[in-house]
N, C-alpha and C. Protein backbone atom coordinates (compact mmCIF):
# COMPACT_ATOMS: atom_id res chain seq x y z
N UNK A 1 -0.99 -22.18 6.21
CA UNK A 1 -0.12 -22.15 5.06
C UNK A 1 0.80 -20.95 5.20
N UNK A 2 2.06 -21.16 4.95
CA UNK A 2 3.05 -20.09 5.04
C UNK A 2 3.29 -19.49 3.67
N UNK A 3 3.14 -18.18 3.58
CA UNK A 3 3.47 -17.45 2.36
C UNK A 3 4.55 -16.45 2.75
N UNK A 4 5.58 -16.40 1.94
CA UNK A 4 6.69 -15.50 2.21
C UNK A 4 6.68 -14.35 1.23
N UNK A 5 7.28 -13.24 1.63
CA UNK A 5 7.34 -12.06 0.79
C UNK A 5 8.78 -11.58 0.70
N UNK A 6 9.18 -11.15 -0.48
CA UNK A 6 10.49 -10.56 -0.69
C UNK A 6 10.25 -9.10 -1.03
N UNK A 7 10.66 -8.22 -0.15
CA UNK A 7 10.54 -6.79 -0.43
C UNK A 7 11.75 -6.08 0.13
N UNK A 8 12.26 -5.17 -0.66
CA UNK A 8 13.45 -4.41 -0.30
C UNK A 8 14.62 -5.33 0.05
N UNK A 9 14.73 -6.46 -0.64
CA UNK A 9 15.84 -7.38 -0.46
C UNK A 9 15.77 -8.26 0.78
N UNK A 10 14.65 -8.24 1.49
CA UNK A 10 14.51 -9.04 2.70
C UNK A 10 13.34 -10.01 2.55
N UNK A 11 13.53 -11.25 2.99
CA UNK A 11 12.48 -12.26 2.96
C UNK A 11 11.87 -12.34 4.35
N UNK A 12 10.54 -12.32 4.39
CA UNK A 12 9.85 -12.46 5.67
C UNK A 12 8.51 -13.14 5.44
N UNK A 13 7.89 -13.55 6.51
CA UNK A 13 6.57 -14.17 6.44
C UNK A 13 5.55 -13.10 6.08
N UNK A 14 4.73 -13.34 5.07
CA UNK A 14 3.75 -12.35 4.63
C UNK A 14 2.58 -12.33 5.60
N UNK A 15 2.29 -11.15 6.11
CA UNK A 15 1.17 -10.96 7.03
C UNK A 15 0.38 -9.76 6.53
N UNK A 16 -0.92 -9.94 6.30
CA UNK A 16 -1.75 -8.83 5.85
C UNK A 16 -1.50 -8.47 4.40
N UNK A 17 -1.99 -7.29 4.02
CA UNK A 17 -1.85 -6.81 2.64
C UNK A 17 -0.39 -6.47 2.37
N UNK A 18 0.05 -6.74 1.17
CA UNK A 18 1.43 -6.47 0.78
C UNK A 18 1.44 -5.45 -0.35
N UNK A 19 2.50 -4.66 -0.48
CA UNK A 19 2.58 -3.69 -1.58
C UNK A 19 2.66 -4.39 -2.93
N UNK A 20 2.26 -3.67 -3.98
CA UNK A 20 2.23 -4.27 -5.32
C UNK A 20 3.61 -4.71 -5.80
N UNK A 21 4.66 -4.04 -5.35
CA UNK A 21 5.99 -4.39 -5.82
C UNK A 21 6.64 -5.51 -5.03
N UNK A 22 5.94 -6.07 -4.07
CA UNK A 22 6.47 -7.19 -3.27
C UNK A 22 6.31 -8.49 -4.04
N UNK A 23 7.25 -9.39 -3.89
CA UNK A 23 7.21 -10.70 -4.53
C UNK A 23 6.75 -11.72 -3.49
N UNK A 24 5.60 -12.35 -3.73
CA UNK A 24 5.06 -13.35 -2.82
C UNK A 24 5.38 -14.74 -3.35
N UNK A 25 5.73 -15.65 -2.46
CA UNK A 25 5.99 -17.02 -2.89
C UNK A 25 5.71 -17.98 -1.75
N UNK A 26 5.49 -19.24 -2.12
CA UNK A 26 5.19 -20.30 -1.15
C UNK A 26 5.75 -21.61 -1.71
N UNK A 27 5.93 -22.62 -0.85
CA UNK A 27 6.32 -23.94 -1.36
C UNK A 27 5.30 -24.41 -2.41
N UNK A 28 5.73 -25.19 -3.39
CA UNK A 28 4.90 -25.51 -4.56
C UNK A 28 3.53 -26.08 -4.22
N UNK A 29 3.43 -27.04 -3.30
CA UNK A 29 2.12 -27.59 -2.95
C UNK A 29 1.24 -26.53 -2.31
N UNK A 30 1.84 -25.72 -1.45
CA UNK A 30 1.07 -24.67 -0.80
C UNK A 30 0.68 -23.59 -1.80
N UNK A 31 1.55 -23.29 -2.74
CA UNK A 31 1.24 -22.29 -3.75
C UNK A 31 0.06 -22.74 -4.60
N UNK A 32 0.05 -24.00 -4.99
CA UNK A 32 -1.06 -24.54 -5.78
C UNK A 32 -2.36 -24.45 -4.99
N UNK A 33 -2.30 -24.77 -3.72
CA UNK A 33 -3.49 -24.68 -2.87
C UNK A 33 -3.94 -23.23 -2.74
N UNK A 34 -3.01 -22.31 -2.57
CA UNK A 34 -3.35 -20.89 -2.44
C UNK A 34 -4.00 -20.38 -3.71
N UNK A 35 -3.48 -20.78 -4.86
CA UNK A 35 -4.06 -20.36 -6.14
C UNK A 35 -5.47 -20.92 -6.28
N UNK A 36 -5.66 -22.17 -5.92
CA UNK A 36 -6.98 -22.80 -6.00
C UNK A 36 -7.97 -22.09 -5.08
N UNK A 37 -7.56 -21.76 -3.86
CA UNK A 37 -8.43 -21.05 -2.93
C UNK A 37 -8.74 -19.65 -3.44
N UNK A 38 -7.75 -18.99 -4.04
CA UNK A 38 -7.95 -17.64 -4.57
C UNK A 38 -8.95 -17.67 -5.72
N UNK A 39 -8.84 -18.66 -6.60
CA UNK A 39 -9.79 -18.78 -7.71
C UNK A 39 -11.20 -19.06 -7.21
N UNK A 40 -11.33 -19.91 -6.20
CA UNK A 40 -12.65 -20.21 -5.64
C UNK A 40 -13.25 -18.95 -5.01
N UNK A 41 -12.44 -18.19 -4.30
CA UNK A 41 -12.92 -16.95 -3.68
C UNK A 41 -13.34 -15.95 -4.76
N UNK A 42 -12.53 -15.84 -5.82
CA UNK A 42 -12.85 -14.93 -6.92
C UNK A 42 -14.17 -15.33 -7.58
N UNK A 43 -14.37 -16.62 -7.75
CA UNK A 43 -15.60 -17.11 -8.38
C UNK A 43 -16.82 -16.79 -7.52
N UNK A 44 -16.70 -16.99 -6.18
CA UNK A 44 -17.81 -16.66 -5.28
C UNK A 44 -18.12 -15.17 -5.31
N UNK A 45 -17.08 -14.34 -5.28
CA UNK A 45 -17.28 -12.90 -5.29
C UNK A 45 -17.89 -12.44 -6.61
N UNK A 46 -17.47 -13.04 -7.72
CA UNK A 46 -18.04 -12.69 -9.03
C UNK A 46 -19.52 -13.04 -9.09
N UNK A 47 -19.87 -14.21 -8.58
CA UNK A 47 -21.26 -14.63 -8.57
C UNK A 47 -22.10 -13.69 -7.71
N UNK A 48 -21.57 -13.29 -6.57
CA UNK A 48 -22.28 -12.36 -5.69
C UNK A 48 -22.51 -11.03 -6.40
N UNK A 49 -21.51 -10.53 -7.11
CA UNK A 49 -21.67 -9.28 -7.84
C UNK A 49 -22.72 -9.41 -8.94
N UNK A 50 -22.70 -10.53 -9.67
CA UNK A 50 -23.70 -10.74 -10.72
C UNK A 50 -25.11 -10.75 -10.13
N UNK A 51 -25.28 -11.42 -8.99
CA UNK A 51 -26.59 -11.46 -8.33
C UNK A 51 -27.03 -10.07 -7.91
N UNK A 52 -26.12 -9.29 -7.37
CA UNK A 52 -26.47 -7.93 -6.93
C UNK A 52 -26.83 -7.04 -8.11
N UNK A 53 -26.08 -7.14 -9.23
CA UNK A 53 -26.41 -6.37 -10.42
C UNK A 53 -27.77 -6.77 -10.98
N UNK A 54 -28.05 -8.06 -11.00
CA UNK A 54 -29.35 -8.54 -11.49
C UNK A 54 -30.47 -8.02 -10.62
N UNK A 55 -30.28 -8.04 -9.32
CA UNK A 55 -31.29 -7.53 -8.39
C UNK A 55 -31.49 -6.03 -8.59
N UNK A 56 -30.42 -5.29 -8.76
CA UNK A 56 -30.52 -3.84 -8.96
C UNK A 56 -31.19 -3.52 -10.29
N UNK A 57 -30.95 -4.33 -11.31
CA UNK A 57 -31.55 -4.09 -12.63
C UNK A 57 -33.05 -4.35 -12.62
N UNK A 58 -33.50 -5.23 -11.74
CA UNK A 58 -34.94 -5.53 -11.67
C UNK A 58 -35.72 -4.41 -11.00
N UNK A 59 -35.06 -3.61 -10.21
CA UNK A 59 -35.77 -2.55 -9.47
C UNK A 59 -36.18 -1.43 -10.33
């Protein structure tokens, strides 16, 4: 999936971490897929954190 970044007035292919002031964009179908993947990743990470906190609280 191609994600593009607009920073300092130049558009380029986004590679790696981008600064907070950069504007990221993708074609609409790809953007929807990226958002869906990001939400799924966030959900997995949240569940992992909850499990770790529960384990730490039991100790």
